[in-house]
C-alpha cells in the first residue's frame, strides 16, 4: 500500500494549523498560570481575612484553592498535547521527517482523546445533577 504524499495545499494547511495551535497552546499556558495565581491569591486573601475577622475560613479557602488548582491541572494536559503537536508539526514541515509528523499527529490524537473523555465525564456529572434535581424536586413537592 502506497503512503499518501502531502500536496502543496496540504502543506500550507498544516503550516497555518501549526501557527494557530502554537498560539492557542501559549494562551492556554497563560490561563493555567492565571488559575494558579488565583489559587494562591485566594489562599493569601482568605488567610489574611480570617486573621482580621478572627473567624476561621480555612475550609472555604482550601476548597477554592483546590478547585482552581484542579482546573489548572485538568487544563494543562490538553494544552501540553496541543503544544507538542504544534512543535513536532513545525519540525516535520521544516525537515520533511515522516516520524516527526507521526509524533505530531499522535499528540493531536491525545489532545482530542483527553478532551473527549473530559466531555463524557462532565456530561455524566451534569446528567447526575439533573436526575438528583428532579428526584429532590419530586420528593419536596409530596
N, C-alpha and C. Protein backbone atom coordinates (compact mmCIF):
# COMPACT_ATOMS: atom_id res chain seq x y z
N UNK A 1 0.84 -1.18 0.00
CA UNK A 1 0.00 0.00 0.00
C UNK A 1 0.89 1.25 0.00
N UNK A 2 0.63 2.12 -0.93
CA UNK A 2 1.44 3.33 -1.06
C UNK A 2 0.97 4.40 -0.08
N UNK A 3 1.95 5.06 0.54
CA UNK A 3 1.62 6.11 1.51
C UNK A 3 1.25 7.39 0.75
N UNK A 4 0.23 8.08 1.27
CA UNK A 4 -0.11 9.33 0.60
C UNK A 4 0.96 10.39 0.86
N UNK A 5 1.24 11.18 -0.13
CA UNK A 5 2.20 12.28 -0.02
C UNK A 5 1.44 13.57 0.24
N UNK A 6 2.09 14.51 0.92
CA UNK A 6 1.46 15.80 1.18
C UNK A 6 1.49 16.65 -0.08
N UNK A 7 0.34 17.16 -0.44
CA UNK A 7 0.29 18.10 -1.55
C UNK A 7 0.73 19.47 -1.04
N UNK A 8 0.99 20.38 -1.95
CA UNK A 8 1.38 21.73 -1.56
C UNK A 8 0.28 22.39 -0.74
N UNK A 9 -0.97 22.15 -1.13
CA UNK A 9 -2.12 22.71 -0.40
C UNK A 9 -2.19 22.14 1.02
N UNK A 10 -1.98 20.82 1.17
CA UNK A 10 -2.00 20.20 2.50
C UNK A 10 -0.85 20.75 3.35
N UNK A 11 0.31 20.95 2.74
CA UNK A 11 1.45 21.53 3.46
C UNK A 11 1.10 22.93 3.97
N UNK A 12 0.46 23.75 3.12
CA UNK A 12 0.07 25.10 3.53
C UNK A 12 -0.96 25.05 4.66
N UNK A 13 -1.93 24.13 4.56
CA UNK A 13 -2.94 24.00 5.62
C UNK A 13 -2.28 23.61 6.94
N UNK A 14 -1.37 22.65 6.89
CA UNK A 14 -0.69 22.21 8.11
C UNK A 14 0.21 23.31 8.67
N UNK A 15 0.83 24.07 7.80
CA UNK A 15 1.68 25.17 8.25
C UNK A 15 0.85 26.23 8.98
N UNK A 16 -0.32 26.53 8.46
CA UNK A 16 -1.19 27.50 9.14
C UNK A 16 -1.76 26.91 10.43
N UNK A 17 -2.09 25.63 10.40
CA UNK A 17 -2.59 24.95 11.60
C UNK A 17 -1.54 24.99 12.71
N UNK A 18 -0.28 24.81 12.35
CA UNK A 18 0.82 24.86 13.33
C UNK A 18 0.84 26.21 14.03
N UNK A 19 0.68 27.27 13.27
CA UNK A 19 0.72 28.61 13.87
C UNK A 19 -0.43 28.81 14.85
N UNK A 20 -1.63 28.37 14.46
CA UNK A 20 -2.80 28.56 15.34
C UNK A 20 -2.72 27.67 16.57
N UNK A 21 -2.26 26.44 16.42
CA UNK A 21 -2.17 25.56 17.59
C UNK A 21 -1.08 26.04 18.54
N UNK A 22 0.00 26.60 18.02
CA UNK A 22 1.05 27.16 18.88
C UNK A 22 0.48 28.34 19.65
N UNK A 23 -0.26 29.22 18.96
CA UNK A 23 -0.87 30.38 19.60
C UNK A 23 -1.85 29.94 20.69
N UNK A 24 -2.75 29.01 20.36
CA UNK A 24 -3.74 28.55 21.34
C UNK A 24 -3.09 27.87 22.54
N UNK A 25 -2.03 27.12 22.31
CA UNK A 25 -1.37 26.45 23.44
C UNK A 25 -0.66 27.46 24.33
N UNK A 26 -0.05 28.49 23.74
CA UNK A 26 0.60 29.51 24.56
C UNK A 26 -0.44 30.27 25.39
N UNK A 27 -1.57 30.62 24.77
CA UNK A 27 -2.66 31.26 25.51
C UNK A 27 -3.15 30.33 26.62
N UNK A 28 -3.23 29.03 26.33
CA UNK A 28 -3.64 28.05 27.34
C UNK A 28 -2.69 28.02 28.52
N UNK A 29 -1.38 28.05 28.25
CA UNK A 29 -0.41 28.08 29.34
C UNK A 29 -0.54 29.36 30.16
N UNK A 30 -0.83 30.47 29.51
CA UNK A 30 -1.03 31.73 30.24
C UNK A 30 -2.24 31.61 31.17
N UNK A 31 -3.34 31.03 30.67
CA UNK A 31 -4.51 30.86 31.51
C UNK A 31 -4.26 29.89 32.66
N UNK A 32 -3.46 28.87 32.43
CA UNK A 32 -3.10 27.96 33.52
C UNK A 32 -2.35 28.72 34.60
N UNK A 33 -1.42 29.58 34.18
CA UNK A 33 -0.70 30.41 35.14
C UNK A 33 -1.63 31.33 35.90
N UNK A 34 -2.63 31.88 35.22
CA UNK A 34 -3.61 32.75 35.89
C UNK A 34 -4.41 31.97 36.92
N UNK A 35 -4.81 30.75 36.58
CA UNK A 35 -5.55 29.92 37.54
C UNK A 35 -4.70 29.61 38.77
N UNK A 36 -3.42 29.32 38.58
CA UNK A 36 -2.55 29.04 39.72
C UNK A 36 -2.38 30.31 40.56
N UNK A 37 -2.22 31.46 39.89
CA UNK A 37 -2.11 32.73 40.63
C UNK A 37 -3.38 33.02 41.41
N UNK A 38 -4.56 32.77 40.80
CA UNK A 38 -5.82 32.95 41.52
C UNK A 38 -5.88 32.04 42.75
N UNK A 39 -5.43 30.81 42.59
CA UNK A 39 -5.43 29.89 43.73
C UNK A 39 -4.56 30.43 44.86
N UNK A 40 -3.39 30.92 44.51
CA UNK A 40 -2.50 31.49 45.53
C UNK A 40 -3.09 32.77 46.12
N UNK A 41 -3.68 33.61 45.27
CA UNK A 41 -4.28 34.85 45.74
C UNK A 41 -5.40 34.56 46.73
N UNK A 42 -6.30 33.63 46.38
CA UNK A 42 -7.40 33.30 47.29
C UNK A 42 -6.89 32.72 48.60
N UNK A 43 -5.83 31.92 48.53
CA UNK A 43 -5.26 31.37 49.75
C UNK A 43 -4.74 32.46 50.66
N UNK A 44 -4.01 33.41 50.10
CA UNK A 44 -3.48 34.52 50.89
C UNK A 44 -4.60 35.43 51.36
N UNK A 45 -5.55 35.72 50.45
CA UNK A 45 -6.66 36.62 50.78
C UNK A 45 -7.51 36.08 51.93
N UNK A 46 -7.93 34.82 51.81
CA UNK A 46 -8.77 34.24 52.86
C UNK A 46 -7.99 34.03 54.16
N UNK A 47 -6.69 33.72 54.04
CA UNK A 47 -5.87 33.60 55.23
C UNK A 47 -5.77 34.92 55.96
N UNK A 48 -5.55 36.01 55.22
CA UNK A 48 -5.49 37.34 55.83
C UNK A 48 -6.83 37.78 56.36
N UNK A 49 -7.90 37.42 55.65
CA UNK A 49 -9.25 37.78 56.09
C UNK A 49 -9.61 37.09 57.39
N UNK A 50 -9.20 35.83 57.53
CA UNK A 50 -9.51 35.12 58.78
C UNK A 50 -8.70 35.69 59.94
N UNK A 51 -7.49 36.20 59.65
CA UNK A 51 -6.70 36.86 60.71
C UNK A 51 -7.37 38.15 61.16
N UNK A 52 -7.92 38.91 60.21
CA UNK A 52 -8.55 40.19 60.53
C UNK A 52 -9.85 39.99 61.30
N UNK A 53 -10.70 39.07 60.80
CA UNK A 53 -12.01 38.87 61.41
C UNK A 53 -11.96 37.97 62.63
N UNK A 54 -10.91 37.21 62.75
CA UNK A 54 -10.80 36.30 63.88
C UNK A 54 -11.59 35.02 63.68
N UNK A 55 -12.27 34.89 62.55
CA UNK A 55 -13.02 33.66 62.29
C UNK A 55 -12.18 32.74 61.42
N UNK A 56 -12.48 31.49 61.50
CA UNK A 56 -11.74 30.51 60.73
C UNK A 56 -12.42 30.32 59.37
N UNK A 57 -11.72 30.68 58.31
CA UNK A 57 -12.23 30.48 56.96
C UNK A 57 -11.36 29.46 56.24
N UNK A 58 -10.80 28.53 57.01
CA UNK A 58 -9.86 27.56 56.46
C UNK A 58 -10.52 26.69 55.40
N UNK A 59 -11.70 26.14 55.70
CA UNK A 59 -12.33 25.22 54.75
C UNK A 59 -12.69 25.89 53.43
N UNK A 60 -13.38 27.05 53.44
CA UNK A 60 -13.71 27.66 52.15
C UNK A 60 -12.47 28.03 51.33
N UNK A 61 -11.44 28.51 52.01
CA UNK A 61 -10.25 28.91 51.26
C UNK A 61 -9.55 27.70 50.66
N UNK A 62 -9.44 26.63 51.41
CA UNK A 62 -8.80 25.42 50.89
C UNK A 62 -9.63 24.84 49.75
N UNK A 63 -10.94 24.87 49.87
CA UNK A 63 -11.82 24.36 48.82
C UNK A 63 -11.64 25.16 47.53
N UNK A 64 -11.61 26.47 47.64
CA UNK A 64 -11.45 27.32 46.45
C UNK A 64 -10.06 27.11 45.84
N UNK A 65 -9.04 27.03 46.67
CA UNK A 65 -7.69 26.80 46.17
C UNK A 65 -7.62 25.47 45.42
N UNK A 66 -8.20 24.44 46.00
CA UNK A 66 -8.18 23.12 45.35
C UNK A 66 -8.95 23.11 44.04
N UNK A 67 -10.07 23.82 43.98
CA UNK A 67 -10.85 23.90 42.73
C UNK A 67 -10.02 24.57 41.64
N UNK A 68 -9.40 25.70 41.95
CA UNK A 68 -8.59 26.40 40.95
C UNK A 68 -7.39 25.57 40.52
N UNK A 69 -6.74 24.90 41.46
CA UNK A 69 -5.61 24.05 41.10
C UNK A 69 -6.05 22.84 40.28
N UNK A 70 -7.21 22.27 40.60
CA UNK A 70 -7.73 21.15 39.82
C UNK A 70 -8.03 21.58 38.39
N UNK A 71 -8.64 22.75 38.24
CA UNK A 71 -8.91 23.26 36.90
C UNK A 71 -7.60 23.46 36.14
N UNK A 72 -6.59 24.01 36.79
CA UNK A 72 -5.29 24.23 36.15
C UNK A 72 -4.66 22.91 35.72
N UNK A 73 -4.75 21.90 36.58
CA UNK A 73 -4.18 20.59 36.25
C UNK A 73 -4.93 19.95 35.09
N UNK A 74 -6.26 19.99 35.14
CA UNK A 74 -7.05 19.40 34.05
C UNK A 74 -6.80 20.13 32.73
N UNK A 75 -6.61 21.42 32.78
CA UNK A 75 -6.39 22.22 31.59
C UNK A 75 -4.98 22.03 31.04
N UNK A 76 -4.03 21.66 31.90
CA UNK A 76 -2.64 21.53 31.48
C UNK A 76 -2.46 20.46 30.41
N UNK A 77 -3.05 19.29 30.59
CA UNK A 77 -2.77 18.17 29.70
C UNK A 77 -3.20 18.42 28.25
N UNK A 78 -4.43 18.85 27.99
CA UNK A 78 -4.76 19.10 26.58
C UNK A 78 -3.93 20.24 25.98
N UNK A 79 -3.59 21.24 26.78
CA UNK A 79 -2.75 22.34 26.28
C UNK A 79 -1.35 21.82 25.97
N UNK A 80 -0.81 20.98 26.83
CA UNK A 80 0.52 20.41 26.59
C UNK A 80 0.51 19.55 25.33
N UNK A 81 -0.52 18.72 25.15
CA UNK A 81 -0.60 17.89 23.94
C UNK A 81 -0.70 18.76 22.69
N UNK A 82 -1.45 19.84 22.76
CA UNK A 82 -1.58 20.75 21.62
C UNK A 82 -0.25 21.43 21.32
N UNK A 83 0.47 21.82 22.37
CA UNK A 83 1.78 22.44 22.18
C UNK A 83 2.76 21.46 21.53
N UNK A 84 2.76 20.22 22.02
CA UNK A 84 3.66 19.21 21.44
C UNK A 84 3.30 18.91 19.98
N UNK A 85 1.99 18.90 19.67
CA UNK A 85 1.56 18.73 18.28
C UNK A 85 2.15 19.84 17.42
N UNK A 86 2.01 21.06 17.88
CA UNK A 86 2.49 22.21 17.12
C UNK A 86 4.01 22.16 16.93
N UNK A 87 4.72 21.84 17.99
CA UNK A 87 6.18 21.78 17.93
C UNK A 87 6.65 20.70 16.97
N UNK A 88 6.10 19.50 17.11
CA UNK A 88 6.51 18.40 16.23
C UNK A 88 6.08 18.63 14.79
N UNK A 89 4.91 19.24 14.60
CA UNK A 89 4.46 19.54 13.25
C UNK A 89 5.41 20.54 12.59
N UNK A 90 5.84 21.55 13.34
CA UNK A 90 6.78 22.52 12.80
C UNK A 90 8.10 21.88 12.40
N UNK A 91 8.61 20.98 13.26
CA UNK A 91 9.85 20.28 12.94
C UNK A 91 9.67 19.43 11.69
N UNK A 92 8.55 18.74 11.59
CA UNK A 92 8.30 17.87 10.46
C UNK A 92 8.17 18.66 9.16
N UNK A 93 7.49 19.80 9.21
CA UNK A 93 7.32 20.59 8.00
C UNK A 93 8.64 21.18 7.52
N UNK A 94 9.55 21.48 8.46
CA UNK A 94 10.86 22.01 8.08
C UNK A 94 11.76 20.92 7.51
N UNK A 95 11.76 19.75 8.17
CA UNK A 95 12.71 18.70 7.79
C UNK A 95 12.14 17.69 6.80
N UNK A 96 10.82 17.59 6.75
CA UNK A 96 10.20 16.56 5.91
C UNK A 96 10.25 15.19 6.54
N UNK A 97 10.58 15.12 7.82
CA UNK A 97 10.71 13.85 8.54
C UNK A 97 9.32 13.29 8.84
N UNK A 98 9.06 12.11 8.33
CA UNK A 98 7.74 11.49 8.49
C UNK A 98 7.49 11.02 9.91
N UNK A 99 8.52 10.61 10.64
CA UNK A 99 8.32 10.14 12.02
C UNK A 99 7.93 11.31 12.93
N UNK A 100 8.47 12.51 12.66
CA UNK A 100 8.06 13.68 13.44
C UNK A 100 6.61 14.05 13.15
N UNK A 101 6.20 13.87 11.90
CA UNK A 101 4.80 14.12 11.55
C UNK A 101 3.89 13.12 12.26
N UNK A 102 4.33 11.87 12.33
CA UNK A 102 3.57 10.85 13.04
C UNK A 102 3.48 11.19 14.52
N UNK A 103 4.59 11.62 15.11
CA UNK A 103 4.57 12.03 16.52
C UNK A 103 3.62 13.20 16.74
N UNK A 104 3.65 14.16 15.80
CA UNK A 104 2.76 15.32 15.91
C UNK A 104 1.31 14.87 15.94
N UNK A 105 0.94 14.00 15.04
CA UNK A 105 -0.45 13.55 15.00
C UNK A 105 -0.81 12.67 16.19
N UNK A 106 0.19 11.99 16.77
CA UNK A 106 -0.12 11.22 17.99
C UNK A 106 -0.46 12.17 19.13
N UNK A 107 0.21 13.32 19.21
CA UNK A 107 -0.13 14.31 20.23
C UNK A 107 -1.49 14.95 19.96
N UNK A 108 -1.82 15.14 18.70
CA UNK A 108 -3.15 15.68 18.38
C UNK A 108 -4.23 14.68 18.78
N UNK A 109 -3.95 13.39 18.55
CA UNK A 109 -4.90 12.36 18.97
C UNK A 109 -5.07 12.37 20.48
N UNK A 110 -3.97 12.48 21.21
CA UNK A 110 -4.04 12.54 22.68
C UNK A 110 -4.83 13.76 23.14
N UNK A 111 -4.63 14.88 22.46
CA UNK A 111 -5.36 16.10 22.80
C UNK A 111 -6.87 15.87 22.68
N UNK A 112 -7.30 15.36 21.53
CA UNK A 112 -8.73 15.15 21.33
C UNK A 112 -9.29 14.02 22.20
N UNK A 113 -8.49 13.01 22.45
CA UNK A 113 -8.93 11.92 23.33
C UNK A 113 -9.17 12.44 24.74
N UNK A 114 -8.25 13.27 25.25
CA UNK A 114 -8.39 13.84 26.58
C UNK A 114 -9.63 14.72 26.65
N UNK A 115 -9.80 15.59 25.67
CA UNK A 115 -10.98 16.47 25.63
C UNK A 115 -12.26 15.64 25.55
N UNK A 116 -12.25 14.58 24.75
CA UNK A 116 -13.43 13.72 24.62
C UNK A 116 -13.78 13.02 25.93
N UNK A 117 -12.79 12.47 26.60
CA UNK A 117 -13.03 11.79 27.88
C UNK A 117 -13.52 12.79 28.92
N UNK A 118 -12.91 13.97 28.96
CA UNK A 118 -13.34 15.01 29.89
C UNK A 118 -14.78 15.44 29.61
N UNK A 119 -15.13 15.53 28.34
CA UNK A 119 -16.50 15.88 27.96
C UNK A 119 -17.49 14.82 28.44
N UNK A 120 -17.15 13.56 28.27
CA UNK A 120 -18.02 12.47 28.73
C UNK A 120 -18.19 12.54 30.25
N UNK A 121 -17.09 12.80 30.96
CA UNK A 121 -17.16 12.89 32.42
C UNK A 121 -18.08 14.03 32.84
N UNK A 122 -17.90 15.21 32.23
CA UNK A 122 -18.73 16.35 32.62
C UNK A 122 -20.19 16.17 32.22
N UNK A 123 -20.45 15.57 31.06
CA UNK A 123 -21.84 15.30 30.67
C UNK A 123 -22.49 14.33 31.65
N UNK A 124 -21.72 13.34 32.11
CA UNK A 124 -22.25 12.38 33.10
C UNK A 124 -22.56 13.08 34.42
N UNK A 125 -21.67 13.98 34.84
CA UNK A 125 -21.91 14.73 36.08
C UNK A 125 -23.16 15.60 35.93
N UNK A 126 -23.29 16.28 34.79
CA UNK A 126 -24.48 17.10 34.54
C UNK A 126 -25.75 16.25 34.58
N UNK A 127 -25.69 15.08 33.97
CA UNK A 127 -26.85 14.18 33.95
C UNK A 127 -27.22 13.76 35.37
N UNK A 128 -26.21 13.45 36.19
CA UNK A 128 -26.48 13.08 37.58
C UNK A 128 -27.11 14.24 38.35
N UNK A 129 -26.62 15.46 38.13
CA UNK A 129 -27.21 16.64 38.77
C UNK A 129 -28.67 16.82 38.36
N UNK A 130 -28.94 16.61 37.09
CA UNK A 130 -30.33 16.74 36.61
C UNK A 130 -31.22 15.68 37.25
N UNK A 131 -30.74 14.44 37.26
CA UNK A 131 -31.53 13.36 37.86
C UNK A 131 -31.78 13.62 39.35
N UNK A 132 -30.72 14.00 40.09
CA UNK A 132 -30.90 14.29 41.51
C UNK A 132 -31.79 15.51 41.72
N UNK A 133 -31.68 16.50 40.86
CA UNK A 133 -32.53 17.68 40.96
C UNK A 133 -33.99 17.34 40.76
N UNK A 134 -34.27 16.49 39.78
CA UNK A 134 -35.66 16.07 39.53
C UNK A 134 -36.17 15.24 40.70
N UNK A 135 -35.34 14.33 41.21
CA UNK A 135 -35.74 13.50 42.34
C UNK A 135 -36.02 14.36 43.58
N UNK A 136 -35.13 15.29 43.86
CA UNK A 136 -35.32 16.16 45.04
C UNK A 136 -36.55 17.03 44.86
N UNK A 137 -36.76 17.55 43.65
CA UNK A 137 -37.96 18.37 43.40
C UNK A 137 -39.21 17.52 43.56
N UNK A 138 -39.16 16.28 43.12
CA UNK A 138 -40.33 15.40 43.26
C UNK A 138 -40.59 15.05 44.72
N UNK A 139 -39.56 14.84 45.49
CA UNK A 139 -39.71 14.50 46.90
C UNK A 139 -40.25 15.70 47.68
N UNK A 140 -39.73 16.89 47.40
CA UNK A 140 -40.14 18.07 48.16
C UNK A 140 -41.57 18.51 47.84
N UNK A 141 -42.12 18.12 46.70
CA UNK A 141 -43.50 18.50 46.37
C UNK A 141 -44.51 17.54 46.96
N UNK A 142 -44.08 16.45 47.51
CA UNK A 142 -45.03 15.47 48.08
C UNK A 142 -45.59 15.94 49.36
